[in-house]
Amino acid sequence: MSEIKKEDWMQKRWRPAMGWLYMGICAFDFVIFPILWNLAQATYLKTIVFTQWSPLTLQGAGFFHIAMGAVLGLSAYGRSQEKIATTTSNGNAPVFGARKPAKTEDPVL
């Protein structure tokens, strides 16, 4: 019987979760919060909008984006290496530019 490798949900799905989390943070910090900030000023202060939203993730010279880029980039590289290792261990690795050897038939004696 072949042994089925059981993986935890978090171990299997953390890379996409990090991508979705980063996309959500960027959407809120650069699109949604600036709009809400301006609407709140116009609604509650009953004046013109006089202060601009300052993105929270750009505080500290944007280190958050550098760190998330490193995490996502290195995890994508690691996943690529895992897939390559898996396919080469199975003998199914595609070799680009190489021709398949022609099948030769055994001569009939």
C-alpha atoms as a PDB file:
ATOM      1  CA  MET A   1       0.000   0.000   0.000  1.00  0.00           C
ATOM      2  CA  SER A   2       1.245   3.455  -0.797  1.00  0.00           C
ATOM      3  CA  GLU A   3       1.626   5.799   2.091  1.00  0.00           C
ATOM      4  CA  ILE A   4      -0.426   8.987   1.688  1.00  0.00           C
ATOM      5  CA  LYS A   5       1.336  12.008   3.071  1.00  0.00           C
ATOM      6  CA  LYS A   6      -1.054  13.999   5.256  1.00  0.00           C
ATOM      7  CA  GLU A   7      -0.329  17.698   5.498  1.00  0.00           C
ATOM      8  CA  ASP A   8      -1.849  20.183   7.857  1.00  0.00           C
ATOM      9  CA  TRP A   9      -4.115  22.816   6.252  1.00  0.00           C
ATOM     10  CA  MET A  10      -1.885  25.657   7.391  1.00  0.00           C
ATOM     11  CA  GLN A  11       1.263  23.953   6.166  1.00  0.00           C
ATOM     12  CA  LYS A  12      -0.261  23.461   2.735  1.00  0.00           C
ATOM     13  CA  ARG A  13      -2.019  26.820   2.294  1.00  0.00           C
ATOM     14  CA  TRP A  14       0.175  29.408   4.043  1.00  0.00           C
ATOM     15  CA  ARG A  15       1.686  30.769   0.827  1.00  0.00           C
ATOM     16  CA  PRO A  16      -1.630  31.715  -0.792  1.00  0.00           C
ATOM     17  CA  ALA A  17      -2.863  33.006   2.565  1.00  0.00           C
ATOM     18  CA  MET A  18       0.139  35.341   2.810  1.00  0.00           C
ATOM     19  CA  GLY A  19      -0.536  36.609  -0.712  1.00  0.00           C
ATOM     20  CA  TRP A  20      -4.202  37.288   0.029  1.00  0.00           C
ATOM     21  CA  LEU A  21      -3.310  38.949   3.315  1.00  0.00           C
ATOM     22  CA  TYR A  22      -0.786  41.256   1.640  1.00  0.00           C
ATOM     23  CA  MET A  23      -3.258  42.115  -1.119  1.00  0.00           C
ATOM     24  CA  GLY A  24      -5.938  42.933   1.467  1.00  0.00           C
ATOM     25  CA  ILE A  25      -3.598  45.106   3.512  1.00  0.00           C
ATOM     26  CA  CYS A  26      -2.532  47.045   0.424  1.00  0.00           C
ATOM     27  CA  ALA A  27      -6.141  47.479  -0.736  1.00  0.00           C
ATOM     28  CA  PHE A  28      -7.217  48.843   2.633  1.00  0.00           C
ATOM     29  CA  ASP A  29      -4.179  51.054   3.173  1.00  0.00           C
ATOM     30  CA  PHE A  30      -4.045  52.574  -0.322  1.00  0.00           C
ATOM     31  CA  VAL A  31      -7.686  52.559  -1.501  1.00  0.00           C
ATOM     32  CA  ILE A  32     -10.335  52.028   1.167  1.00  0.00           C
ATOM     33  CA  PHE A  33      -8.896  53.939   4.144  1.00  0.00           C
ATOM     34  CA  PRO A  34      -8.065  57.094   2.128  1.00  0.00           C
ATOM     35  CA  ILE A  35     -11.644  57.213   0.818  1.00  0.00           C
ATOM     36  CA  LEU A  36     -13.099  56.630   4.290  1.00  0.00           C
ATOM     37  CA  TRP A  37     -10.734  59.236   5.779  1.00  0.00           C
ATOM     38  CA  ASN A  38     -11.907  61.885   3.316  1.00  0.00           C
ATOM     39  CA  LEU A  39     -15.567  60.959   3.792  1.00  0.00           C
ATOM     40  CA  ALA A  40     -15.192  61.101   7.574  1.00  0.00           C
ATOM     41  CA  GLN A  41     -13.632  64.562   7.402  1.00  0.00           C
ATOM     42  CA  ALA A  42     -16.295  65.880   5.055  1.00  0.00           C
ATOM     43  CA  THR A  43     -19.138  64.334   7.058  1.00  0.00           C
ATOM     44  CA  TYR A  44     -18.172  64.935  10.667  1.00  0.00           C
ATOM     45  CA  LEU A  45     -16.191  68.159  10.396  1.00  0.00           C
ATOM     46  CA  LYS A  46     -18.609  69.705   7.876  1.00  0.00           C
ATOM     47  CA  THR A  47     -15.660  71.412   6.179  1.00  0.00           C
ATOM     48  CA  ILE A  48     -13.422  70.789   3.255  1.00  0.00           C
ATOM     49  CA  VAL A  49     -10.977  67.936   3.451  1.00  0.00           C
ATOM     50  CA  PHE A  50      -7.800  69.448   4.840  1.00  0.00           C
ATOM     51  CA  THR A  51      -5.617  66.484   5.815  1.00  0.00           C
ATOM     52  CA  GLN A  52      -4.494  63.669   3.606  1.00  0.00           C
ATOM     53  CA  TRP A  53      -4.413  59.991   4.568  1.00  0.00           C
ATOM     54  CA  SER A  54      -0.877  58.811   5.287  1.00  0.00           C
ATOM     55  CA  PRO A  55      -0.529  55.103   4.477  1.00  0.00           C
ATOM     56  CA  LEU A  56       0.409  53.163   7.594  1.00  0.00           C
ATOM     57  CA  THR A  57       2.446  50.582   5.710  1.00  0.00           C
ATOM     58  CA  LEU A  58       4.743  53.280   4.326  1.00  0.00           C
ATOM     59  CA  GLN A  59       5.749  54.389   7.819  1.00  0.00           C
ATOM     60  CA  GLY A  60       9.298  53.320   8.585  1.00  0.00           C
ATOM     61  CA  ALA A  61      10.493  53.739   4.970  1.00  0.00           C
ATOM     62  CA  GLY A  62       8.143  51.028   3.663  1.00  0.00           C
ATOM     63  CA  PHE A  63       9.921  48.226   5.487  1.00  0.00           C
ATOM     64  CA  PHE A  64       6.619  46.323   5.665  1.00  0.00           C
ATOM     65  CA  HIS A  65       6.492  46.062   1.852  1.00  0.00           C
ATOM     66  CA  ILE A  66      10.144  45.057   1.655  1.00  0.00           C
ATOM     67  CA  ALA A  67       9.584  42.334   4.251  1.00  0.00           C
ATOM     68  CA  MET A  68       6.408  41.027   2.615  1.00  0.00           C
ATOM     69  CA  GLY A  69       8.124  41.038  -0.783  1.00  0.00           C
ATOM     70  CA  ALA A  70      10.945  38.976   0.684  1.00  0.00           C
ATOM     71  CA  VAL A  71       8.557  36.501   2.328  1.00  0.00           C
ATOM     72  CA  LEU A  72       6.436  36.056  -0.795  1.00  0.00           C
ATOM     73  CA  GLY A  73       9.399  35.968  -3.166  1.00  0.00           C
ATOM     74  CA  LEU A  74      11.408  33.452  -1.173  1.00  0.00           C
ATOM     75  CA  SER A  75       8.387  31.249  -0.556  1.00  0.00           C
ATOM     76  CA  ALA A  76       7.589  31.226  -4.282  1.00  0.00           C
ATOM     77  CA  TYR A  77      11.206  30.293  -5.024  1.00  0.00           C
ATOM     78  CA  GLY A  78      11.100  27.565  -2.371  1.00  0.00           C
ATOM     79  CA  ARG A  79       7.859  26.164  -3.753  1.00  0.00           C
ATOM     80  CA  SER A  80       9.339  26.103  -7.254  1.00  0.00           C
ATOM     81  CA  GLN A  81      12.336  24.172  -5.955  1.00  0.00           C
ATOM     82  CA  GLU A  82      10.005  21.716  -4.180  1.00  0.00           C
ATOM     83  CA  LYS A  83       8.060  21.097  -7.387  1.00  0.00           C
ATOM     84  CA  ILE A  84      11.237  20.637  -9.413  1.00  0.00           C
ATOM     85  CA  ALA A  85      12.618  18.182  -6.855  1.00  0.00           C
ATOM     86  CA  THR A  86       9.334  16.248  -6.850  1.00  0.00           C
ATOM     87  CA  THR A  87       9.163  15.933 -10.634  1.00  0.00           C
ATOM     88  CA  THR A  88      12.813  14.965 -11.024  1.00  0.00           C
ATOM     89  CA  SER A  89      12.543  12.313  -8.319  1.00  0.00           C
ATOM     90  CA  ASN A  90       9.566  10.795 -10.176  1.00  0.00           C
ATOM     91  CA  GLY A  91      11.459  10.779 -13.454  1.00  0.00           C
ATOM     92  CA  ASN A  92       8.873  13.041 -15.081  1.00  0.00           C
ATOM     93  CA  ALA A  93      11.039  16.111 -15.437  1.00  0.00           C
ATOM     94  CA  PRO A  94      10.564  17.822 -18.765  1.00  0.00           C
ATOM     95  CA  VAL A  95      13.773  18.593 -20.608  1.00  0.00           C
ATOM     96  CA  PHE A  96      13.202  21.569 -22.831  1.00  0.00           C
ATOM     97  CA  GLY A  97      14.899  21.527 -26.210  1.00  0.00           C
ATOM     98  CA  ALA A  98      15.765  17.846 -26.030  1.00  0.00           C
ATOM     99  CA  ARG A  99      14.333  15.383 -28.470  1.00  0.00           C
ATOM    100  CA  LYS A 100      12.881  12.094 -27.485  1.00  0.00           C
ATOM    101  CA  PRO A 101      14.969   9.197 -28.689  1.00  0.00           C
ATOM    102  CA  ALA A 102      13.454   7.336 -31.574  1.00  0.00           C
ATOM    103  CA  LYS A 103      12.078   3.957 -30.666  1.00  0.00           C
ATOM    104  CA  THR A 104      13.979   1.205 -32.340  1.00  0.00           C
ATOM    105  CA  GLU A 105      12.455  -2.132 -32.863  1.00  0.00           C
ATOM    106  CA  ASP A 106      14.347  -5.271 -32.149  1.00  0.00           C
ATOM    107  CA  PRO A 107      15.353  -6.978 -35.343  1.00  0.00           C
ATOM    108  CA  VAL A 108      13.420 -10.108 -36.021  1.00  0.00           C
ATOM    109  CA  LEU A 109      15.722 -13.094 -36.088  1.00  0.00           C
END
